[in-house]
Amino acid sequence: MFNGAHVVIYSTDAEADRAFMRDVLGLANVDVGGGWLIFALPPAEAAFHPHGSSQAHELYLMCDDVLKTKEELLAAGVDSTEPMDEGWGILSSFQLPGGGSVGYYQPRHERP
């Protein structure tokens, strides 16, 4: 039925965040006009968590080794939080230039 998903990340500085995703994270992209970049993402999965009132969505990137990823980000000049063992995985996050936060984790759960 569907052949992909499109994630929207709201930002107070979209240009800086686009440059970060392109130059620091090295994500492949296309310019759809006027510098508006659309980025390729790694394979994804979706989960639905119960919440009484929130309609917000979150983005987490997944990695094989959270400590190695933290080191790679640091080498690119990006600081991230101290990894925390959450049981289901080891979680960290980094700040985007526009002020948003992106989580990343090393999952322990089975992947679809």
PDB file of N, CA and C in Angstrom:
ATOM      1  N   MET A   1       0.812  -1.189   0.000  1.00  0.00           N
ATOM      2  CA  MET A   1       0.000   0.000   0.000  1.00  0.00           C
ATOM      3  C   MET A   1       0.865   1.266   0.000  1.00  0.00           C
ATOM      4  N   PHE A   2       1.851   1.354   0.917  1.00  0.00           N
ATOM      5  CA  PHE A   2       2.729   2.519   0.995  1.00  0.00           C
ATOM      6  C   PHE A   2       4.135   2.117   0.570  1.00  0.00           C
ATOM      7  N   ASN A   3       4.899   3.065   0.047  1.00  0.00           N
ATOM      8  CA  ASN A   3       6.260   2.745  -0.373  1.00  0.00           C
ATOM      9  C   ASN A   3       7.317   3.565   0.351  1.00  0.00           C
ATOM     10  N   GLY A   4       6.929   4.294   1.387  1.00  0.00           N
ATOM     11  CA  GLY A   4       7.895   5.080   2.141  1.00  0.00           C
ATOM     12  C   GLY A   4       7.210   5.918   3.198  1.00  0.00           C
ATOM     13  N   ALA A   5       8.011   6.690   3.910  1.00  0.00           N
ATOM     14  CA  ALA A   5       7.498   7.597   4.933  1.00  0.00           C
ATOM     15  C   ALA A   5       8.268   8.907   4.823  1.00  0.00           C
ATOM     16  N   HIS A   6       7.618   9.999   5.172  1.00  0.00           N
ATOM     17  CA  HIS A   6       8.247  11.319   5.147  1.00  0.00           C
ATOM     18  C   HIS A   6       8.178  11.875   6.562  1.00  0.00           C
ATOM     19  N   VAL A   7       9.323  12.174   7.146  1.00  0.00           N
ATOM     20  CA  VAL A   7       9.403  12.710   8.500  1.00  0.00           C
ATOM     21  C   VAL A   7       9.578  14.217   8.409  1.00  0.00           C
ATOM     22  N   VAL A   8       8.801  14.978   9.177  1.00  0.00           N
ATOM     23  CA  VAL A   8       8.926  16.431   9.234  1.00  0.00           C
ATOM     24  C   VAL A   8       9.512  16.800  10.589  1.00  0.00           C
ATOM     25  N   ILE A   9      10.604  17.565  10.571  1.00  0.00           N
ATOM     26  CA  ILE A   9      11.230  18.031  11.803  1.00  0.00           C
ATOM     27  C   ILE A   9      11.129  19.550  11.803  1.00  0.00           C
ATOM     28  N   TYR A  10      10.375  20.105  12.739  1.00  0.00           N
ATOM     29  CA  TYR A  10      10.223  21.550  12.821  1.00  0.00           C
ATOM     30  C   TYR A  10      11.457  22.158  13.463  1.00  0.00           C
ATOM     31  N   SER A  11      11.849  23.337  12.992  1.00  0.00           N
ATOM     32  CA  SER A  11      13.107  23.934  13.427  1.00  0.00           C
ATOM     33  C   SER A  11      13.005  25.453  13.462  1.00  0.00           C
ATOM     34  N   THR A  12      13.718  26.070  14.383  1.00  0.00           N
ATOM     35  CA  THR A  12      13.814  27.526  14.405  1.00  0.00           C
ATOM     36  C   THR A  12      14.919  28.014  13.465  1.00  0.00           C
ATOM     37  N   ASP A  13      15.763  27.100  12.972  1.00  0.00           N
ATOM     38  CA  ASP A  13      16.818  27.443  12.012  1.00  0.00           C
ATOM     39  C   ASP A  13      16.976  26.271  11.043  1.00  0.00           C
ATOM     40  N   ALA A  14      16.026  26.160  10.131  1.00  0.00           N
ATOM     41  CA  ALA A  14      15.989  25.025   9.205  1.00  0.00           C
ATOM     42  C   ALA A  14      17.246  24.942   8.336  1.00  0.00           C
ATOM     43  N   GLU A  15      17.768  26.086   7.889  1.00  0.00           N
ATOM     44  CA  GLU A  15      18.973  26.056   7.062  1.00  0.00           C
ATOM     45  C   GLU A  15      20.146  25.435   7.803  1.00  0.00           C
ATOM     46  N   ALA A  16      20.339  25.833   9.062  1.00  0.00           N
ATOM     47  CA  ALA A  16      21.449  25.277   9.855  1.00  0.00           C
ATOM     48  C   ALA A  16      21.248  23.788  10.092  1.00  0.00           C
ATOM     49  N   ASP A  17      20.015  23.377  10.355  1.00  0.00           N
ATOM     50  CA  ASP A  17      19.748  21.960  10.594  1.00  0.00           C
ATOM     51  C   ASP A  17      19.928  21.145   9.323  1.00  0.00           C
ATOM     52  N   ARG A  18      19.549  21.709   8.178  1.00  0.00           N
ATOM     53  CA  ARG A  18      19.771  21.009   6.907  1.00  0.00           C
ATOM     54  C   ARG A  18      21.273  20.840   6.655  1.00  0.00           C
ATOM     55  N   ALA A  19      22.036  21.894   6.891  1.00  0.00           N
ATOM     56  CA  ALA A  19      23.493  21.811   6.704  1.00  0.00           C
ATOM     57  C   ALA A  19      24.096  20.769   7.645  1.00  0.00           C
ATOM     58  N   PHE A  20      23.611  20.705   8.881  1.00  0.00           N
ATOM     59  CA  PHE A  20      24.090  19.727   9.851  1.00  0.00           C
ATOM     60  C   PHE A  20      23.819  18.301   9.363  1.00  0.00           C
ATOM     61  N   MET A  21      22.607  18.047   8.923  1.00  0.00           N
ATOM     62  CA  MET A  21      22.252  16.706   8.448  1.00  0.00           C
ATOM     63  C   MET A  21      23.087  16.326   7.220  1.00  0.00           C
ATOM     64  N   ARG A  22      23.348  17.309   6.342  1.00  0.00           N
ATOM     65  CA  ARG A  22      24.130  17.058   5.127  1.00  0.00           C
ATOM     66  C   ARG A  22      25.616  16.925   5.430  1.00  0.00           C
ATOM     67  N   ASP A  23      26.180  17.909   6.162  1.00  0.00           N
ATOM     68  CA  ASP A  23      27.624  18.008   6.315  1.00  0.00           C
ATOM     69  C   ASP A  23      28.180  17.207   7.485  1.00  0.00           C
ATOM     70  N   VAL A  24      27.454  17.135   8.587  1.00  0.00           N
ATOM     71  CA  VAL A  24      27.955  16.437   9.772  1.00  0.00           C
ATOM     72  C   VAL A  24      27.507  14.985   9.779  1.00  0.00           C
ATOM     73  N   LEU A  25      26.205  14.754   9.582  1.00  0.00           N
ATOM     74  CA  LEU A  25      25.724  13.370   9.591  1.00  0.00           C
ATOM     75  C   LEU A  25      25.926  12.684   8.243  1.00  0.00           C
ATOM     76  N   GLY A  26      26.167  13.457   7.185  1.00  0.00           N
ATOM     77  CA  GLY A  26      26.471  12.879   5.875  1.00  0.00           C
ATOM     78  C   GLY A  26      25.309  12.161   5.219  1.00  0.00           C
ATOM     79  N   LEU A  27      24.079  12.585   5.508  1.00  0.00           N
ATOM     80  CA  LEU A  27      22.920  11.924   4.919  1.00  0.00           C
ATOM     81  C   LEU A  27      22.754  12.337   3.459  1.00  0.00           C
ATOM     82  N   ALA A  28      22.527  11.358   2.598  1.00  0.00           N
ATOM     83  CA  ALA A  28      22.266  11.637   1.190  1.00  0.00           C
ATOM     84  C   ALA A  28      21.018  12.507   1.096  1.00  0.00           C
ATOM     85  N   ASN A  29      20.974  13.381   0.079  1.00  0.00           N
ATOM     86  CA  ASN A  29      19.844  14.290  -0.034  1.00  0.00           C
ATOM     87  C   ASN A  29      19.657  14.728  -1.472  1.00  0.00           C
ATOM     88  N   VAL A  30      18.500  15.316  -1.724  1.00  0.00           N
ATOM     89  CA  VAL A  30      18.213  15.960  -3.001  1.00  0.00           C
ATOM     90  C   VAL A  30      17.714  17.364  -2.690  1.00  0.00           C
ATOM     91  N   ASP A  31      18.068  18.290  -3.565  1.00  0.00           N
ATOM     92  CA  ASP A  31      17.578  19.667  -3.460  1.00  0.00           C
ATOM     93  C   ASP A  31      16.334  19.739  -4.335  1.00  0.00           C
ATOM     94  N   VAL A  32      15.187  19.958  -3.730  1.00  0.00           N
ATOM     95  CA  VAL A  32      13.934  19.990  -4.484  1.00  0.00           C
ATOM     96  C   VAL A  32      13.592  21.407  -4.927  1.00  0.00           C
ATOM     97  N   GLY A  33      14.557  22.318  -4.741  1.00  0.00           N
ATOM     98  CA  GLY A  33      14.375  23.685  -5.211  1.00  0.00           C
ATOM     99  C   GLY A  33      14.681  24.708  -4.143  1.00  0.00           C
ATOM    100  N   GLY A  34      15.498  25.677  -4.482  1.00  0.00           N
ATOM    101  CA  GLY A  34      15.789  26.780  -3.574  1.00  0.00           C
ATOM    102  C   GLY A  34      16.524  26.381  -2.310  1.00  0.00           C
ATOM    103  N   GLY A  35      17.306  25.305  -2.367  1.00  0.00           N
ATOM    104  CA  GLY A  35      18.041  24.861  -1.179  1.00  0.00           C
ATOM    105  C   GLY A  35      17.220  24.030  -0.208  1.00  0.00           C
ATOM    106  N   TRP A  36      15.998  23.684  -0.580  1.00  0.00           N
ATOM    107  CA  TRP A  36      15.132  22.860   0.277  1.00  0.00           C
ATOM    108  C   TRP A  36      15.564  21.412   0.090  1.00  0.00           C
ATOM    109  N   LEU A  37      16.267  20.884   1.085  1.00  0.00           N
ATOM    110  CA  LEU A  37      16.817  19.530   0.982  1.00  0.00           C
ATOM    111  C   LEU A  37      15.870  18.501   1.582  1.00  0.00           C
ATOM    112  N   ILE A  38      15.756  17.387   0.897  1.00  0.00           N
ATOM    113  CA  ILE A  38      15.028  16.220   1.389  1.00  0.00           C
ATOM    114  C   ILE A  38      16.086  15.140   1.598  1.00  0.00           C
ATOM    115  N   PHE A  39      16.117  14.559   2.804  1.00  0.00           N
ATOM    116  CA  PHE A  39      17.166  13.621   3.181  1.00  0.00           C
ATOM    117  C   PHE A  39      16.703  12.175   3.138  1.00  0.00           C
ATOM    118  N   ALA A  40      17.610  11.310   2.680  1.00  0.00           N
ATOM    119  CA  ALA A  40      17.395   9.874   2.788  1.00  0.00           C
ATOM    120  C   ALA A  40      17.635   9.493   4.241  1.00  0.00           C
ATOM    121  N   LEU A  41      16.867   8.565   4.739  1.00  0.00           N
ATOM    122  CA  LEU A  41      17.052   8.057   6.089  1.00  0.00           C
ATOM    123  C   LEU A  41      17.373   6.571   6.021  1.00  0.00           C
ATOM    124  N   PRO A  42      18.028   6.070   7.063  1.00  0.00           N
ATOM    125  CA  PRO A  42      18.260   4.626   7.106  1.00  0.00           C
ATOM    126  C   PRO A  42      16.920   3.899   7.246  1.00  0.00           C
ATOM    127  N   PRO A  43      16.912   2.579   7.078  1.00  0.00           N
ATOM    128  CA  PRO A  43      15.666   1.835   7.276  1.00  0.00           C
ATOM    129  C   PRO A  43      15.013   2.249   8.600  1.00  0.00           C
ATOM    130  N   ALA A  44      13.705   2.285   8.607  1.00  0.00           N
ATOM    131  CA  ALA A  44      12.976   2.812   9.761  1.00  0.00           C
ATOM    132  C   ALA A  44      11.967   1.813  10.295  1.00  0.00           C
ATOM    133  N   GLU A  45      11.466   2.129  11.462  1.00  0.00           N
ATOM    134  CA  GLU A  45      10.375   1.390  12.075  1.00  0.00           C
ATOM    135  C   GLU A  45       9.509   2.389  12.819  1.00  0.00           C
ATOM    136  N   ALA A  46       8.293   2.032  13.123  1.00  0.00           N
ATOM    137  CA  ALA A  46       7.387   2.912  13.858  1.00  0.00           C
ATOM    138  C   ALA A  46       6.811   2.147  15.042  1.00  0.00           C
ATOM    139  N   ALA A  47       6.609   2.844  16.139  1.00  0.00           N
ATOM    140  CA  ALA A  47       6.005   2.252  17.327  1.00  0.00           C
ATOM    141  C   ALA A  47       4.970   3.230  17.875  1.00  0.00           C
ATOM    142  N   PHE A  48       3.914   2.724  18.459  1.00  0.00           N
ATOM    143  CA  PHE A  48       2.861   3.565  19.019  1.00  0.00           C
ATOM    144  C   PHE A  48       2.868   3.415  20.526  1.00  0.00           C
ATOM    145  N   HIS A  49       3.106   4.534  21.208  1.00  0.00           N
ATOM    146  CA  HIS A  49       3.187   4.544  22.664  1.00  0.00           C
ATOM    147  C   HIS A  49       1.945   5.230  23.219  1.00  0.00           C
ATOM    148  N   PRO A  50       1.325   4.674  24.245  1.00  0.00           N
ATOM    149  CA  PRO A  50       0.140   5.320  24.811  1.00  0.00           C
ATOM    150  C   PRO A  50       0.491   6.636  25.493  1.00  0.00           C
ATOM    151  N   HIS A  51      -0.395   7.617  25.338  1.00  0.00           N
ATOM    152  CA  HIS A  51      -0.212   8.912  25.984  1.00  0.00           C
ATOM    153  C   HIS A  51      -1.590   9.548  26.099  1.00  0.00           C
ATOM    154  N   GLY A  52      -1.861  10.137  27.235  1.00  0.00           N
ATOM    155  CA  GLY A  52      -3.174  10.703  27.496  1.00  0.00           C
ATOM    156  C   GLY A  52      -3.578  11.854  26.603  1.00  0.00           C
ATOM    157  N   SER A  53      -2.630  12.718  26.226  1.00  0.00           N
ATOM    158  CA  SER A  53      -3.039  13.905  25.484  1.00  0.00           C
ATOM    159  C   SER A  53      -2.074  14.334  24.374  1.00  0.00           C
ATOM    160  N   SER A  54      -0.884  13.802  24.329  1.00  0.00           N
ATOM    161  CA  SER A  54       0.107  14.289  23.369  1.00  0.00           C
ATOM    162  C   SER A  54      -0.193  13.805  21.956  1.00  0.00           C
ATOM    163  N   GLN A  55       0.019  14.702  21.005  1.00  0.00           N
ATOM    164  CA  GLN A  55      -0.049  14.347  19.597  1.00  0.00           C
ATOM    165  C   GLN A  55       1.303  14.605  18.939  1.00  0.00           C
ATOM    166  N   ALA A  56       2.320  14.828  19.764  1.00  0.00           N
ATOM    167  CA  ALA A  56       3.669  15.085  19.264  1.00  0.00           C
ATOM    168  C   ALA A  56       4.296  13.784  18.770  1.00  0.00           C
ATOM    169  N   HIS A  57       5.299  13.930  17.935  1.00  0.00           N
ATOM    170  CA  HIS A  57       6.045  12.789  17.424  1.00  0.00           C
ATOM    171  C   HIS A  57       7.517  13.005  17.742  1.00  0.00           C
ATOM    172  N   GLU A  58       8.283  11.930  17.800  1.00  0.00           N
ATOM    173  CA  GLU A  58       9.705  12.018  18.105  1.00  0.00           C
ATOM    174  C   GLU A  58      10.501  11.263  17.052  1.00  0.00           C
ATOM    175  N   LEU A  59      11.749  11.672  16.873  1.00  0.00           N
ATOM    176  CA  LEU A  59      12.657  11.000  15.949  1.00  0.00           C
ATOM    177  C   LEU A  59      13.832  10.449  16.737  1.00  0.00           C
ATOM    178  N   TYR A  60      14.100   9.171  16.562  1.00  0.00           N
ATOM    179  CA  TYR A  60      15.279   8.528  17.138  1.00  0.00           C
ATOM    180  C   TYR A  60      16.014   7.834  16.001  1.00  0.00           C
ATOM    181  N   LEU A  61      17.315   8.036  15.929  1.00  0.00           N
ATOM    182  CA  LEU A  61      18.142   7.302  14.984  1.00  0.00           C
ATOM    183  C   LEU A  61      18.696   6.081  15.703  1.00  0.00           C
ATOM    184  N   MET A  62      18.864   5.000  14.978  1.00  0.00           N
ATOM    185  CA  MET A  62      19.337   3.758  15.586  1.00  0.00           C
ATOM    186  C   MET A  62      20.754   3.468  15.112  1.00  0.00           C
ATOM    187  N   CYS A  63      21.545   2.864  16.000  1.00  0.00           N
ATOM    188  CA  CYS A  63      22.932   2.538  15.659  1.00  0.00           C
ATOM    189  C   CYS A  63      23.294   1.181  16.260  1.00  0.00           C
ATOM    190  N   ASP A  64      24.385   0.614  15.781  1.00  0.00           N
ATOM    191  CA  ASP A  64      24.843  -0.678  16.294  1.00  0.00           C
ATOM    192  C   ASP A  64      25.637  -0.547  17.581  1.00  0.00           C
ATOM    193  N   ASP A  65      26.292   0.597  17.782  1.00  0.00           N
ATOM    194  CA  ASP A  65      27.157   0.793  18.944  1.00  0.00           C
ATOM    195  C   ASP A  65      27.070   2.250  19.377  1.00  0.00           C
ATOM    196  N   VAL A  66      26.302   2.518  20.423  1.00  0.00           N
ATOM    197  CA  VAL A  66      26.052   3.897  20.840  1.00  0.00           C
ATOM    198  C   VAL A  66      27.339   4.607  21.282  1.00  0.00           C
ATOM    199  N   LEU A  67      28.265   3.893  21.913  1.00  0.00           N
ATOM    200  CA  LEU A  67      29.514   4.519  22.351  1.00  0.00           C
ATOM    201  C   LEU A  67      30.377   4.915  21.160  1.00  0.00           C
ATOM    202  N   LYS A  68      30.443   4.058  20.156  1.00  0.00           N
ATOM    203  CA  LYS A  68      31.199   4.371  18.944  1.00  0.00           C
ATOM    204  C   LYS A  68      30.555   5.555  18.219  1.00  0.00           C
ATOM    205  N   THR A  69      29.236   5.564  18.145  1.00  0.00           N
ATOM    206  CA  THR A  69      28.527   6.667  17.494  1.00  0.00           C
ATOM    207  C   THR A  69      28.772   7.968  18.234  1.00  0.00           C
ATOM    208  N   LYS A  70      28.765   7.935  19.572  1.00  0.00           N
ATOM    209  CA  LYS A  70      29.059   9.125  20.370  1.00  0.00           C
ATOM    210  C   LYS A  70      30.455   9.651  20.034  1.00  0.00           C
ATOM    211  N   GLU A  71      31.434   8.753  19.909  1.00  0.00           N
ATOM    212  CA  GLU A  71      32.805   9.151  19.562  1.00  0.00           C
ATOM    213  C   GLU A  71      32.858   9.758  18.164  1.00  0.00           C
ATOM    214  N   GLU A  72      32.144   9.165  17.210  1.00  0.00           N
ATOM    215  CA  GLU A  72      32.126   9.684  15.842  1.00  0.00           C
ATOM    216  C   GLU A  72      31.491  11.075  15.800  1.00  0.00           C
ATOM    217  N   LEU A  73      30.419  11.261  16.553  1.00  0.00           N
ATOM    218  CA  LEU A  73      29.790  12.578  16.618  1.00  0.00           C
ATOM    219  C   LEU A  73      30.738  13.600  17.240  1.00  0.00           C
ATOM    220  N   LEU A  74      31.414  13.203  18.318  1.00  0.00           N
ATOM    221  CA  LEU A  74      32.351  14.105  18.984  1.00  0.00           C
ATOM    222  C   LEU A  74      33.484  14.510  18.041  1.00  0.00           C
ATOM    223  N   ALA A  75      33.978  13.561  17.240  1.00  0.00           N
ATOM    224  CA  ALA A  75      35.030  13.858  16.270  1.00  0.00           C
ATOM    225  C   ALA A  75      34.556  14.860  15.214  1.00  0.00           C
ATOM    226  N   ALA A  76      33.230  14.893  14.990  1.00  0.00           N
ATOM    227  CA  ALA A  76      32.652  15.846  14.041  1.00  0.00           C
ATOM    228  C   ALA A  76      32.250  17.148  14.730  1.00  0.00           C
ATOM    229  N   GLY A  77      32.591  17.279  16.022  1.00  0.00           N
ATOM    230  CA  GLY A  77      32.289  18.498  16.762  1.00  0.00           C
ATOM    231  C   GLY A  77      30.915  18.539  17.393  1.00  0.00           C
ATOM    232  N   VAL A  78      30.276  17.374  17.512  1.00  0.00           N
ATOM    233  CA  VAL A  78      28.922  17.307  18.064  1.00  0.00           C
ATOM    234  C   VAL A  78      28.955  16.585  19.403  1.00  0.00           C
ATOM    235  N   ASP A  79      28.563  17.298  20.453  1.00  0.00           N
ATOM    236  CA  ASP A  79      28.503  16.689  21.777  1.00  0.00           C
ATOM    237  C   ASP A  79      27.148  16.016  21.945  1.00  0.00           C
ATOM    238  N   SER A  80      27.114  14.933  22.666  1.00  0.00           N
ATOM    239  CA  SER A  80      25.845  14.268  22.947  1.00  0.00           C
ATOM    240  C   SER A  80      25.799  13.870  24.413  1.00  0.00           C
ATOM    241  N   THR A  81      24.600  13.560  24.853  1.00  0.00           N
ATOM    242  CA  THR A  81      24.405  13.241  26.260  1.00  0.00           C
ATOM    243  C   THR A  81      25.095  11.928  26.617  1.00  0.00           C
ATOM    244  N   GLU A  82      25.320  11.755  27.899  1.00  0.00           N
ATOM    245  CA  GLU A  82      25.906  10.506  28.387  1.00  0.00           C
ATOM    246  C   GLU A  82      24.920   9.367  28.115  1.00  0.00           C
ATOM    247  N   PRO A  83      25.342   8.302  27.445  1.00  0.00           N
ATOM    248  CA  PRO A  83      24.433   7.192  27.164  1.00  0.00           C
ATOM    249  C   PRO A  83      23.843   6.602  28.444  1.00  0.00           C
ATOM    250  N   MET A  84      22.553   6.300  28.368  1.00  0.00           N
ATOM    251  CA  MET A  84      21.830   5.727  29.510  1.00  0.00           C
ATOM    252  C   MET A  84      21.227   4.389  29.108  1.00  0.00           C
ATOM    253  N   ASP A  85      21.366   3.400  29.969  1.00  0.00           N
ATOM    254  CA  ASP A  85      20.785   2.093  29.732  1.00  0.00           C
ATOM    255  C   ASP A  85      19.319   2.152  30.126  1.00  0.00           C
ATOM    256  N   GLU A  86      18.442   2.011  29.142  1.00  0.00           N
ATOM    257  CA  GLU A  86      17.002   2.078  29.384  1.00  0.00           C
ATOM    258  C   GLU A  86      16.353   0.693  29.417  1.00  0.00           C
ATOM    259  N   GLY A  87      17.165  -0.352  29.371  1.00  0.00           N
ATOM    260  CA  GLY A  87      16.617  -1.708  29.348  1.00  0.00           C
ATOM    261  C   GLY A  87      16.361  -2.167  27.924  1.00  0.00           C
ATOM    262  N   TRP A  88      15.522  -1.440  27.196  1.00  0.00           N
ATOM    263  CA  TRP A  88      15.202  -1.770  25.803  1.00  0.00           C
ATOM    264  C   TRP A  88      16.322  -1.363  24.848  1.00  0.00           C
ATOM    265  N   GLY A  89      17.289  -0.554  25.373  1.00  0.00           N
ATOM    266  CA  GLY A  89      18.404  -0.103  24.563  1.00  0.00           C
ATOM    267  C   GLY A  89      19.236   0.912  25.321  1.00  0.00           C
ATOM    268  N   ILE A  90      20.323   1.347  24.699  1.00  0.00           N
ATOM    269  CA  ILE A  90      21.199   2.360  25.291  1.00  0.00           C
ATOM    270  C   ILE A  90      20.947   3.649  24.520  1.00  0.00           C
ATOM    271  N   LEU A  91      20.545   4.710  25.229  1.00  0.00           N
ATOM    272  CA  LEU A  91      20.024   5.931  24.633  1.00  0.00           C
ATOM    273  C   LEU A  91      20.925   7.129  24.884  1.00  0.00           C
ATOM    274  N   SER A  92      21.083   7.952  23.861  1.00  0.00           N
ATOM    275  CA  SER A  92      21.766   9.237  23.968  1.00  0.00           C
ATOM    276  C   SER A  92      21.035  10.217  23.055  1.00  0.00           C
ATOM    277  N   SER A  93      21.463  11.474  23.039  1.00  0.00           N
ATOM    278  CA  SER A  93      20.861  12.459  22.138  1.00  0.00           C
ATOM    279  C   SER A  93      21.843  13.586  21.881  1.00  0.00           C
ATOM    280  N   PHE A  94      21.593  14.332  20.834  1.00  0.00           N
ATOM    281  CA  PHE A  94      22.395  15.514  20.513  1.00  0.00           C
ATOM    282  C   PHE A  94      21.459  16.637  20.106  1.00  0.00           C
ATOM    283  N   GLN A  95      21.978  17.861  20.195  1.00  0.00           N
ATOM    284  CA  GLN A  95      21.215  19.044  19.829  1.00  0.00           C
ATOM    285  C   GLN A  95      21.484  19.408  18.379  1.00  0.00           C
ATOM    286  N   LEU A  96      20.444  19.792  17.671  1.00  0.00           N
ATOM    287  CA  LEU A  96      20.577  20.343  16.332  1.00  0.00           C
ATOM    288  C   LEU A  96      20.907  21.831  16.438  1.00  0.00           C
ATOM    289  N   PRO A  97      21.531  22.405  15.427  1.00  0.00           N
ATOM    290  CA  PRO A  97      21.836  23.840  15.481  1.00  0.00           C
ATOM    291  C   PRO A  97      20.594  24.699  15.699  1.00  0.00           C
ATOM    292  N   GLY A  98      19.434  24.252  15.196  1.00  0.00           N
ATOM    293  CA  GLY A  98      18.194  25.001  15.353  1.00  0.00           C
ATOM    294  C   GLY A  98      17.560  24.851  16.716  1.00  0.00           C
ATOM    295  N   GLY A  99      18.184  24.081  17.615  1.00  0.00           N
ATOM    296  CA  GLY A  99      17.691  23.956  18.979  1.00  0.00           C
ATOM    297  C   GLY A  99      16.979  22.667  19.289  1.00  0.00           C
ATOM    298  N   GLY A 100      16.559  21.917  18.274  1.00  0.00           N
ATOM    299  CA  GLY A 100      15.866  20.659  18.515  1.00  0.00           C
ATOM    300  C   GLY A 100      16.821  19.586  19.004  1.00  0.00           C
ATOM    301  N   SER A 101      16.263  18.524  19.508  1.00  0.00           N
ATOM    302  CA  SER A 101      17.044  17.400  20.009  1.00  0.00           C
ATOM    303  C   SER A 101      16.702  16.155  19.201  1.00  0.00           C
ATOM    304  N   VAL A 102      17.734  15.364  18.874  1.00  0.00           N
ATOM    305  CA  VAL A 102      17.530  14.096  18.180  1.00  0.00           C
ATOM    306  C   VAL A 102      18.124  13.001  19.052  1.00  0.00           C
ATOM    307  N   GLY A 103      17.322  12.017  19.372  1.00  0.00           N
ATOM    308  CA  GLY A 103      17.798  10.883  20.140  1.00  0.00           C
ATOM    309  C   GLY A 103      18.406   9.839  19.228  1.00  0.00           C
ATOM    310  N   TYR A 104      19.340   9.091  19.770  1.00  0.00           N
ATOM    311  CA  TYR A 104      19.855   7.929  19.052  1.00  0.00           C
ATOM    312  C   TYR A 104      20.099   6.822  20.054  1.00  0.00           C
ATOM    313  N   TYR A 105      19.929   5.587  19.597  1.00  0.00           N
ATOM    314  CA  TYR A 105      20.072   4.477  20.533  1.00  0.00           C
ATOM    315  C   TYR A 105      20.519   3.198  19.859  1.00  0.00           C
ATOM    316  N   GLN A 106      21.082   2.352  20.696  1.00  0.00           N
ATOM    317  CA  GLN A 106      21.498   1.000  20.318  1.00  0.00           C
ATOM    318  C   GLN A 106      20.400   0.083  20.844  1.00  0.00           C
ATOM    319  N   PRO A 107      19.549  -0.429  19.955  1.00  0.00           N
ATOM    320  CA  PRO A 107      18.401  -1.220  20.429  1.00  0.00           C
ATOM    321  C   PRO A 107      18.790  -2.599  20.937  1.00  0.00           C
ATOM    322  N   ARG A 108      17.994  -3.061  21.866  1.00  0.00           N
ATOM    323  CA  ARG A 108      18.095  -4.450  22.320  1.00  0.00           C
ATOM    324  C   ARG A 108      16.880  -5.239  21.866  1.00  0.00           C
ATOM    325  N   HIS A 109      15.876  -4.542  21.385  1.00  0.00           N
ATOM    326  CA  HIS A 109      14.651  -5.212  20.941  1.00  0.00           C
ATOM    327  C   HIS A 109      14.843  -5.798  19.539  1.00  0.00           C
ATOM    328  N   GLU A 110      14.041  -6.773  19.229  1.00  0.00           N
ATOM    329  CA  GLU A 110      14.070  -7.373  17.908  1.00  0.00           C
ATOM    330  C   GLU A 110      13.635  -6.328  16.890  1.00  0.00           C
ATOM    331  N   ARG A 111      14.258  -6.334  15.722  1.00  0.00           N
ATOM    332  CA  ARG A 111      13.917  -5.368  14.676  1.00  0.00           C
ATOM    333  C   ARG A 111      13.087  -6.049  13.592  1.00  0.00           C
ATOM    334  N   PRO A 112      12.076  -5.331  13.103  1.00  0.00           N
ATOM    335  CA  PRO A 112      11.225  -5.932  12.062  1.00  0.00           C
ATOM    336  C   PRO A 112      11.968  -6.123  10.743  1.00  0.00           C
TER     337      PRO A 112
END
